[in-house]
Amino acid sequence: MKNLFRPTPLAMTIAATLTAGCASTPWSAEKSEPATKATVVQHYADLAHANYEDALITARALDEATDRLIANPTEANLKAAKEAWLTARVPYQQTEVFRFGNAIVDDWEGQLNAWPLDEGLIDYVKADDYQHELGNAGATANIIANNSVNVGGETLDVANLTPQLLADLNEVGGSEANVATGYHAVEFLLWGQDLHGFDTGAGERPVTDYARGADCTNGNCERRGEYLDAVTDLLVNDLEWMVAQWAPGSSDNYRAQLTATDANEGVQKMLFGMGSLSLGELAGERMKVALEANSYEDEHDCFSDNTHNSHYYNGQGIQNVYTGTYRRVDGSLVSGPSLSDLVEQTNPELDARLNAQLDASMQALGLMKAKAEASQSPMPFDMMIAPGNAAGAKVVNGAIMALVEQTGSIEQAARQLGIEALSPDDAGHAF
């Protein structure tokens, strides 16, 4: 199945910042030596580097768009900032396949993409429609409205909203729901609470929440801008660090460590990442939990109603690693020796089956995306998981089952390549 990502006008503008050296030409097994585990792991590092580089490019564009919003809070600038956030999610969600198996990514990822979050830690919320983690002392701390906050009996100075301060506030009071940074903190600051429940509609934060003087709504507009500025700066800084970890030409970064070890370990990481994102994380935590609990609080991009795209591009990331391909934000294709090549060498039937299952998963996730973006009667993810919505549940369950099925073949591919017990993370879910 072809990658369905089509560059938006914003993405094409972003692409202009890419150097000529970033673009890659398709790799052809017919014109090269047969793929080996070592070359596949090397190319996996190339994929990761290109993917994180795109996440950084789009995050920088988001940072610039939010800077314009803060300096000049107009409806047009708020809309542009939201579009920049949505564009930034496309490459980042494809990177999540690198999280599982690579501890350096998993240890770092929470600062960028932790969810669900108790947004009352950050800013004002409508109290009568605010669901938060029971017993979370920070759930209503409202950093933006206060120069100091008390969480669990500890008073914290939050007067100076710096990137480091916000990073230090993550999981304050011992609660994982206290998320002060990352894409979802930015999402909340742009969209605000989604007060529509299972009905149509995302968050509706007024642009006047960033206005000056008498036009300011909901108070603390200057502080809100300071928070947005700090959290987007941190996002860029974090991605710069991860790009450097995968960059070629260094002897002391993660890429050098990965490619210097036994290639079998690298192949195991690749397949474990695919299987764990497919099964425990995407099928389980991100879809099954929300559907079975009928809980819009458990949807991924809950403020913007962009969850269908987050799921879709997670699936795309899984397929990218198996096929050794990645479509960059400038439209160029990165391709090279792949797991698919290795499996095809010894078991072409298994390779064909797994490729077909990856296509089927993308079709199922694509159906979810199409339903959510339909011009007539759209059904975003939070409506799909509503109690009694049999049609929506069918769409979500179809994606879940496609992901479960492909995970079984991922495990078979691992055995085919000499990995006897892949044991992808199922996050405690029974399928």
Protein backbone atom coordinates (compact mmCIF):
# COMPACT_ATOMS: atom_id res chain seq x y z
CA MET A 1 0.00 0.00 0.00
CA LYS A 2 1.32 3.46 -0.85
CA ASN A 3 2.04 5.93 1.92
CA LEU A 4 -1.10 8.09 2.02
CA PHE A 5 0.65 11.16 3.45
CA ARG A 6 0.38 14.11 1.10
CA PRO A 7 2.36 17.24 1.99
CA THR A 8 0.15 20.14 3.08
CA PRO A 9 1.08 23.68 2.02
CA LEU A 10 2.65 24.13 5.47
CA ALA A 11 4.62 20.90 5.05
CA MET A 12 5.91 22.07 1.68
CA THR A 13 7.01 25.34 3.24
CA ILE A 14 8.77 23.39 5.98
CA ALA A 15 10.48 21.25 3.35
CA ALA A 16 12.34 24.28 2.08
CA THR A 17 14.45 24.14 5.23
CA LEU A 18 15.79 20.72 4.33
CA THR A 19 19.27 20.59 2.85
CA ALA A 20 19.83 18.87 -0.46
CA GLY A 21 21.66 16.11 1.34
CA CYS A 22 18.53 15.07 3.21
CA ALA A 23 16.73 13.71 0.16
CA SER A 24 17.35 10.05 -0.63
CA THR A 25 16.82 7.99 -3.73
CA PRO A 26 15.07 4.61 -3.60
CA TRP A 27 17.30 1.66 -2.87
CA SER A 28 17.00 -1.31 -5.22
CA ALA A 29 17.94 -4.81 -4.13
CA GLU A 30 18.36 -5.70 -7.79
CA LYS A 31 21.19 -3.19 -8.16
CA SER A 32 22.90 -3.85 -4.84
CA GLU A 33 24.29 -6.68 -2.80
CA PRO A 34 21.68 -8.81 -1.01
CA ALA A 35 20.51 -7.33 2.27
CA THR A 36 22.30 -8.52 5.39
CA LYS A 37 21.37 -8.04 9.02
CA ALA A 38 24.17 -5.50 9.35
CA THR A 39 23.03 -3.40 6.37
CA VAL A 40 19.41 -3.59 7.55
CA VAL A 41 20.37 -2.26 10.98
CA GLN A 42 22.46 0.50 9.39
CA HIS A 43 19.48 1.53 7.28
CA TYR A 44 17.18 1.37 10.32
CA ALA A 45 19.41 4.05 11.84
CA ASP A 46 19.08 6.06 8.62
CA LEU A 47 15.28 5.81 8.84
CA ALA A 48 15.29 6.94 12.46
CA HIS A 49 17.56 9.88 11.70
CA ALA A 50 15.43 11.07 8.77
CA ASN A 51 12.21 10.63 10.74
CA TYR A 52 13.46 12.51 13.82
CA GLU A 53 14.91 15.20 11.58
CA ASP A 54 11.45 15.74 10.09
CA ALA A 55 9.95 15.83 13.58
CA LEU A 56 12.48 18.53 14.45
CA ILE A 57 11.82 20.54 11.28
CA THR A 58 8.08 20.56 11.91
CA ALA A 59 8.57 21.31 15.62
CA ARG A 60 10.65 24.35 14.72
CA ALA A 61 7.84 25.50 12.43
CA LEU A 62 5.41 24.98 15.31
CA ASP A 63 7.67 27.00 17.63
CA GLU A 64 7.76 29.85 15.11
CA ALA A 65 3.98 29.72 14.63
CA THR A 66 3.34 29.89 18.37
CA ASP A 67 5.81 32.77 18.68
CA ARG A 68 3.75 34.67 16.10
CA LEU A 69 0.57 33.86 18.02
CA ILE A 70 2.04 35.11 21.28
CA ALA A 71 3.32 38.33 19.67
CA ASN A 72 0.12 38.96 17.72
CA PRO A 73 -2.88 36.97 19.00
CA THR A 74 -5.22 36.92 15.99
CA GLU A 75 -7.61 34.23 14.78
CA ALA A 76 -5.39 33.70 11.75
CA ASN A 77 -2.29 33.16 13.89
CA LEU A 78 -4.13 30.76 16.21
CA LYS A 79 -5.33 28.77 13.22
CA ALA A 80 -1.80 28.71 11.78
CA ALA A 81 -0.38 27.48 15.10
CA LYS A 82 -2.96 24.69 15.22
CA GLU A 83 -2.13 23.69 11.64
CA ALA A 84 1.57 23.64 12.54
CA TRP A 85 0.82 21.36 15.50
CA LEU A 86 -1.19 18.96 13.32
CA THR A 87 1.60 18.91 10.72
CA ALA A 88 4.20 18.21 13.42
CA ARG A 89 2.27 15.15 14.60
CA VAL A 90 2.66 13.40 11.23
CA PRO A 91 6.40 12.68 11.41
CA TYR A 92 6.56 12.41 15.19
CA GLN A 93 3.93 9.67 15.43
CA GLN A 94 5.89 7.64 12.90
CA THR A 95 8.94 7.77 15.21
CA GLU A 96 7.19 5.90 18.03
CA VAL A 97 8.16 2.56 16.52
CA PHE A 98 11.75 3.41 17.56
CA ARG A 99 10.70 3.81 21.17
CA PHE A 100 10.23 0.14 21.98
CA GLY A 101 13.51 -1.77 22.07
CA ASN A 102 15.67 1.36 22.20
CA ALA A 103 15.89 2.36 25.85
CA ILE A 104 17.41 5.73 25.00
CA VAL A 105 14.19 6.63 23.17
CA ASP A 106 11.79 5.11 25.70
CA ASP A 107 13.46 6.95 28.60
CA TRP A 108 13.24 10.25 26.68
CA GLU A 109 9.82 9.92 25.05
CA GLY A 110 7.64 10.76 28.03
CA GLN A 111 8.76 14.38 28.09
CA LEU A 112 7.44 14.77 24.52
CA ASN A 113 4.35 12.60 24.27
CA ALA A 114 3.05 11.59 27.71
CA TRP A 115 -0.74 11.25 27.95
CA PRO A 116 -3.41 11.34 29.20
CA LEU A 117 -2.72 14.48 31.20
CA ASP A 118 -4.62 16.33 33.89
CA GLU A 119 -4.71 19.67 32.14
CA GLY A 120 -5.72 21.55 35.29
CA LEU A 121 -2.07 21.30 36.32
CA ILE A 122 -1.29 23.73 33.52
CA ASP A 123 -4.21 26.13 33.12
CA TYR A 124 -7.83 26.85 33.96
CA VAL A 125 -10.45 24.16 33.42
CA LYS A 126 -14.21 24.08 33.59
CA ALA A 127 -14.59 22.41 36.96
CA ASP A 128 -18.01 20.81 36.43
CA ASP A 129 -16.82 18.95 33.33
CA TYR A 130 -13.27 18.09 34.34
CA GLN A 131 -12.29 14.47 34.72
CA HIS A 132 -8.91 13.82 36.29
CA GLU A 133 -6.95 11.08 38.01
CA LEU A 134 -8.45 10.36 41.42
CA GLY A 135 -6.24 11.55 44.25
CA ASN A 136 -3.98 13.65 42.04
CA ALA A 137 -2.95 16.60 44.20
CA GLY A 138 -1.73 18.50 41.15
CA ALA A 139 -4.87 18.11 39.06
CA THR A 140 -6.01 21.70 39.69
CA ALA A 141 -2.70 23.38 40.53
CA ASN A 142 -2.98 25.79 37.56
CA ILE A 143 0.65 26.76 37.05
CA ILE A 144 -0.27 29.60 34.70
CA ALA A 145 -2.42 31.34 37.31
CA ASN A 146 0.10 31.10 40.16
CA ASN A 147 3.68 32.00 40.97
CA SER A 148 3.83 29.08 43.40
CA VAL A 149 1.84 25.87 43.62
CA ASN A 150 1.39 23.36 46.41
CA VAL A 151 1.32 19.72 45.33
CA GLY A 152 1.15 17.02 47.96
CA GLY A 153 2.24 19.36 50.72
CA GLU A 154 5.26 20.67 48.80
CA THR A 155 5.29 24.32 47.73
CA LEU A 156 6.99 24.90 44.39
CA ASP A 157 8.19 28.19 42.94
CA VAL A 158 6.83 28.45 39.37
CA ALA A 159 7.21 32.20 38.89
CA ASN A 160 9.79 31.90 36.10
CA LEU A 161 8.40 29.63 33.37
CA THR A 162 11.54 28.19 31.79
CA PRO A 163 11.86 25.00 29.73
CA GLN A 164 13.84 23.37 32.56
CA LEU A 165 11.23 24.27 35.18
CA LEU A 166 8.46 22.73 33.08
CA ALA A 167 10.52 19.58 32.52
CA ASP A 168 11.08 19.30 36.27
CA LEU A 169 7.31 19.52 36.89
CA ASN A 170 6.52 16.35 34.96
CA GLU A 171 5.02 13.74 37.32
CA VAL A 172 5.17 16.22 40.20
CA GLY A 173 3.62 14.71 43.30
CA GLY A 174 4.27 11.23 41.93
CA SER A 175 1.36 11.25 39.48
CA GLU A 176 1.94 10.25 35.84
CA ALA A 177 -1.10 12.39 34.95
CA ASN A 178 0.87 15.52 35.87
CA VAL A 179 2.28 16.25 32.43
CA ALA A 180 3.68 19.75 32.01
CA THR A 181 5.49 19.39 28.67
CA GLY A 182 5.31 17.87 25.22
CA TYR A 183 2.96 17.80 22.27
CA HIS A 184 -0.17 17.36 24.39
CA ALA A 185 0.63 20.29 26.68
CA VAL A 186 1.00 22.43 23.53
CA GLU A 187 -2.22 20.93 22.15
CA PHE A 188 -4.12 21.93 25.29
CA LEU A 189 -2.69 25.45 25.18
CA LEU A 190 -3.87 25.83 21.58
CA TRP A 191 -7.26 24.09 21.71
CA GLY A 192 -8.23 24.15 25.38
CA GLN A 193 -10.52 21.58 26.98
CA ASP A 194 -12.75 19.54 24.71
CA LEU A 195 -16.10 20.02 26.46
CA HIS A 196 -18.15 18.17 23.82
CA GLY A 197 -17.85 14.69 25.33
CA PHE A 198 -19.04 12.15 22.75
CA ASP A 199 -20.59 14.85 20.57
CA THR A 200 -19.07 16.62 17.59
CA GLY A 201 -16.46 19.26 18.38
CA ALA A 202 -12.93 19.73 19.70
CA GLY A 203 -11.53 22.26 22.16
CA GLU A 204 -12.52 25.88 21.56
CA ARG A 205 -9.95 28.04 23.33
CA PRO A 206 -10.52 31.69 22.35
CA VAL A 207 -7.58 33.53 20.84
CA THR A 208 -8.25 36.24 23.43
CA ASP A 209 -6.68 33.88 25.99
CA TYR A 210 -3.42 35.34 24.59
CA ALA A 211 -4.62 38.95 24.30
CA ARG A 212 -3.14 41.87 26.22
CA GLY A 213 -4.88 44.21 28.61
CA ALA A 214 -8.65 44.50 28.72
CA ASP A 215 -9.12 42.06 25.82
CA CYS A 216 -7.60 39.18 27.83
CA THR A 217 -10.04 36.38 28.63
CA ASN A 218 -9.76 33.91 31.51
CA GLY A 219 -6.89 35.84 33.07
CA ASN A 220 -3.11 35.40 33.03
CA CYS A 221 -2.79 35.87 29.26
CA GLU A 222 0.84 37.00 29.41
CA ARG A 223 1.75 34.02 31.62
CA ARG A 224 -0.07 31.71 29.21
CA GLY A 225 2.07 33.03 26.39
CA GLU A 226 5.21 32.55 28.49
CA TYR A 227 4.22 28.95 29.16
CA LEU A 228 3.52 28.27 25.48
CA ASP A 229 6.86 29.82 24.53
CA ALA A 230 8.80 27.72 27.06
CA VAL A 231 7.07 24.43 26.25
CA THR A 232 7.61 24.76 22.49
CA ASP A 233 11.26 25.73 23.01
CA LEU A 234 11.70 22.58 25.10
CA LEU A 235 10.09 20.45 22.41
CA VAL A 236 12.61 21.72 19.87
CA ASN A 237 15.55 21.22 22.25
CA ASP A 238 14.52 17.65 23.03
CA LEU A 239 14.20 16.76 19.34
CA GLU A 240 17.56 18.33 18.54
CA TRP A 241 19.11 15.98 21.10
CA MET A 242 17.44 12.91 19.61
CA VAL A 243 18.40 13.82 16.04
CA ALA A 244 22.01 13.99 17.23
CA GLN A 245 21.71 10.51 18.76
CA TRP A 246 20.91 9.00 15.34
CA ALA A 247 23.17 11.20 13.20
CA PRO A 248 25.84 9.49 11.07
CA GLY A 249 29.48 10.40 11.41
CA SER A 250 29.70 10.35 15.21
CA SER A 251 31.64 7.83 17.26
CA ASP A 252 29.92 8.47 20.59
CA ASN A 253 26.18 8.68 19.93
CA TYR A 254 23.47 6.01 20.08
CA ARG A 255 23.68 5.23 16.38
CA ALA A 256 27.38 4.36 16.72
CA GLN A 257 26.59 2.11 19.68
CA LEU A 258 23.73 0.35 17.90
CA THR A 259 25.58 -0.31 14.67
CA ALA A 260 28.74 -1.49 16.48
CA THR A 261 26.93 -4.28 18.36
CA ASP A 262 25.90 -7.69 17.03
CA ALA A 263 23.47 -7.11 14.14
CA ASN A 264 21.17 -9.78 15.60
CA GLU A 265 20.54 -7.44 18.55
CA GLY A 266 19.63 -4.64 16.18
CA VAL A 267 17.22 -6.85 14.25
CA GLN A 268 15.63 -7.93 17.53
CA LYS A 269 15.13 -4.27 18.51
CA MET A 270 13.48 -3.55 15.16
CA LEU A 271 11.00 -6.41 15.40
CA PHE A 272 10.34 -5.86 19.10
CA GLY A 273 9.57 -2.20 18.39
CA MET A 274 7.16 -3.14 15.60
CA GLY A 275 5.41 -5.80 17.65
CA SER A 276 5.14 -3.79 20.87
CA LEU A 277 3.75 -0.66 19.23
CA SER A 278 1.38 -2.79 17.16
CA LEU A 279 0.05 -4.91 20.03
CA GLY A 280 0.33 -3.47 23.52
CA GLU A 281 0.52 0.23 22.76
CA LEU A 282 -1.61 0.97 19.68
CA ALA A 283 -4.12 -1.90 19.69
CA GLY A 284 -4.17 -2.01 23.50
CA GLU A 285 -3.48 1.22 25.37
CA ARG A 286 -4.56 3.62 22.64
CA MET A 287 -7.63 1.85 21.26
CA LYS A 288 -8.86 -1.11 23.30
CA VAL A 289 -8.75 0.75 26.63
CA ALA A 290 -10.68 3.73 25.30
CA LEU A 291 -13.24 1.57 23.51
CA GLU A 292 -13.94 -0.85 26.36
CA ALA A 293 -14.18 1.97 28.91
CA ASN A 294 -16.12 4.26 26.53
CA SER A 295 -13.69 6.92 27.73
CA TYR A 296 -12.89 10.00 25.68
CA GLU A 297 -10.38 10.88 28.41
CA ASP A 298 -8.32 7.93 27.13
CA GLU A 299 -8.10 9.12 23.53
CA HIS A 300 -4.67 10.19 22.43
CA ASP A 301 -5.05 13.67 20.89
CA CYS A 302 -8.09 14.47 22.99
CA PHE A 303 -8.12 18.29 22.82
CA SER A 304 -7.83 18.56 19.02
CA ASP A 305 -9.78 15.41 18.00
CA ASN A 306 -6.75 14.39 15.94
CA THR A 307 -6.55 10.89 17.46
CA HIS A 308 -7.34 9.13 14.18
CA ASN A 309 -4.23 10.66 12.62
CA SER A 310 -2.02 9.76 15.56
CA HIS A 311 -3.16 6.14 15.26
CA TYR A 312 -2.77 6.15 11.49
CA TYR A 313 0.80 7.43 11.56
CA ASN A 314 1.75 5.03 14.36
CA GLY A 315 0.68 2.27 11.97
CA GLN A 316 2.66 3.88 9.17
CA GLY A 317 5.76 3.87 11.35
CA ILE A 318 5.44 0.10 11.89
CA GLN A 319 5.17 -0.48 8.15
CA ASN A 320 8.11 1.87 7.51
CA VAL A 321 10.47 -0.23 9.60
CA TYR A 322 9.50 -3.52 7.95
CA THR A 323 9.73 -2.18 4.39
CA GLY A 324 12.74 0.06 5.00
CA THR A 325 10.94 3.09 3.57
CA TYR A 326 9.97 6.51 4.90
CA ARG A 327 8.26 9.35 3.05
CA ARG A 328 9.77 12.62 4.21
CA VAL A 329 7.85 15.86 4.72
CA ASP A 330 9.39 17.24 1.51
CA GLY A 331 7.96 14.27 -0.41
CA SER A 332 11.29 12.49 -0.96
CA LEU A 333 11.55 8.78 -0.21
CA VAL A 334 14.15 7.19 2.06
CA SER A 335 14.57 3.50 1.23
CA GLY A 336 17.13 0.78 1.75
CA PRO A 337 17.82 -2.78 2.94
CA SER A 338 14.88 -3.97 4.99
CA LEU A 339 13.52 -6.68 7.26
CA SER A 340 11.22 -7.55 4.38
CA ASP A 341 14.29 -8.28 2.23
CA LEU A 342 15.73 -10.56 4.92
CA VAL A 343 12.53 -12.53 5.42
CA GLU A 344 11.94 -12.85 1.68
CA GLN A 345 15.36 -14.46 1.25
CA THR A 346 14.33 -17.54 3.26
CA ASN A 347 10.53 -17.46 3.47
CA PRO A 348 8.91 -15.45 0.68
CA GLU A 349 5.45 -16.69 1.65
CA LEU A 350 5.78 -15.26 5.16
CA ASP A 351 7.14 -12.00 3.79
CA ALA A 352 4.21 -11.67 1.40
CA ARG A 353 1.73 -12.44 4.18
CA LEU A 354 3.22 -9.91 6.58
CA ASN A 355 3.34 -7.22 3.89
CA ALA A 356 -0.31 -7.94 3.09
CA GLN A 357 -1.21 -7.70 6.79
CA LEU A 358 0.63 -4.39 7.14
CA ASP A 359 -1.34 -3.12 4.16
CA ALA A 360 -4.55 -4.39 5.76
CA SER A 361 -3.75 -2.57 9.02
CA MET A 362 -3.12 0.65 7.13
CA GLN A 363 -6.42 0.18 5.31
CA ALA A 364 -8.23 -0.33 8.64
CA LEU A 365 -6.55 2.70 10.17
CA GLY A 366 -7.21 4.58 6.94
CA LEU A 367 -10.92 3.81 7.30
CA MET A 368 -10.81 5.29 10.81
CA LYS A 369 -9.09 8.37 9.38
CA ALA A 370 -11.60 8.66 6.53
CA LYS A 371 -14.59 8.39 8.86
CA ALA A 372 -13.16 11.07 11.15
CA GLU A 373 -12.43 13.45 8.26
CA ALA A 374 -15.60 12.85 6.25
CA SER A 375 -17.14 16.02 4.83
CA GLN A 376 -20.61 14.76 5.76
CA SER A 377 -21.31 13.49 9.30
CA PRO A 378 -17.67 13.06 10.42
CA MET A 379 -17.08 10.59 13.22
CA PRO A 380 -13.86 11.32 15.13
CA PHE A 381 -12.42 8.76 17.52
CA ASP A 382 -14.18 10.11 20.61
CA MET A 383 -17.52 9.58 18.86
CA MET A 384 -16.52 6.10 17.66
CA ILE A 385 -15.99 4.92 21.23
CA ALA A 386 -19.27 6.34 22.54
CA PRO A 387 -21.60 3.91 24.34
CA GLY A 388 -24.01 2.31 21.87
CA ASN A 389 -22.12 3.40 18.74
CA ALA A 390 -21.97 -0.02 17.06
CA ALA A 391 -20.75 1.41 13.76
CA GLY A 392 -17.90 3.28 15.45
CA ALA A 393 -16.94 0.27 17.57
CA LYS A 394 -16.79 -1.83 14.40
CA VAL A 395 -14.27 0.56 12.85
CA VAL A 396 -12.09 0.61 15.97
CA ASN A 397 -12.30 -3.16 16.47
CA GLY A 398 -11.38 -3.70 12.83
CA ALA A 399 -8.17 -1.75 13.34
CA ILE A 400 -7.43 -3.55 16.60
CA MET A 401 -7.84 -6.99 15.07
CA ALA A 402 -5.72 -6.10 12.02
CA LEU A 403 -2.90 -4.99 14.35
CA VAL A 404 -3.21 -8.16 16.45
CA GLU A 405 -3.05 -10.31 13.32
CA GLN A 406 0.06 -8.62 11.97
CA THR A 407 1.78 -8.96 15.34
CA GLY A 408 1.51 -12.75 15.07
CA SER A 409 3.36 -12.60 11.75
CA ILE A 410 5.94 -10.20 13.18
CA GLU A 411 6.71 -12.86 15.79
CA GLN A 412 6.97 -15.49 13.03
CA ALA A 413 9.34 -13.23 11.11
CA ALA A 414 11.49 -12.93 14.23
CA ARG A 415 11.72 -16.72 14.51
CA GLN A 416 12.55 -16.91 10.81
CA LEU A 417 15.48 -14.59 11.46
CA GLY A 418 16.76 -16.57 14.43
CA ILE A 419 15.02 -14.76 17.30
CA GLU A 420 13.27 -17.51 19.23
CA ALA A 421 11.31 -15.46 21.79
CA LEU A 422 10.46 -11.94 20.64
CA SER A 423 7.77 -11.46 23.33
CA PRO A 424 6.45 -8.06 22.18
CA ASP A 425 4.97 -5.96 24.95
CA ASP A 426 1.21 -6.56 25.21
CA ALA A 427 0.81 -4.01 28.05
CA GLY A 428 -1.17 -6.63 29.99
CA HIS A 429 -3.97 -6.86 27.43
CA ALA A 430 -5.54 -10.14 26.33
CA PHE A 431 -6.57 -10.21 22.68
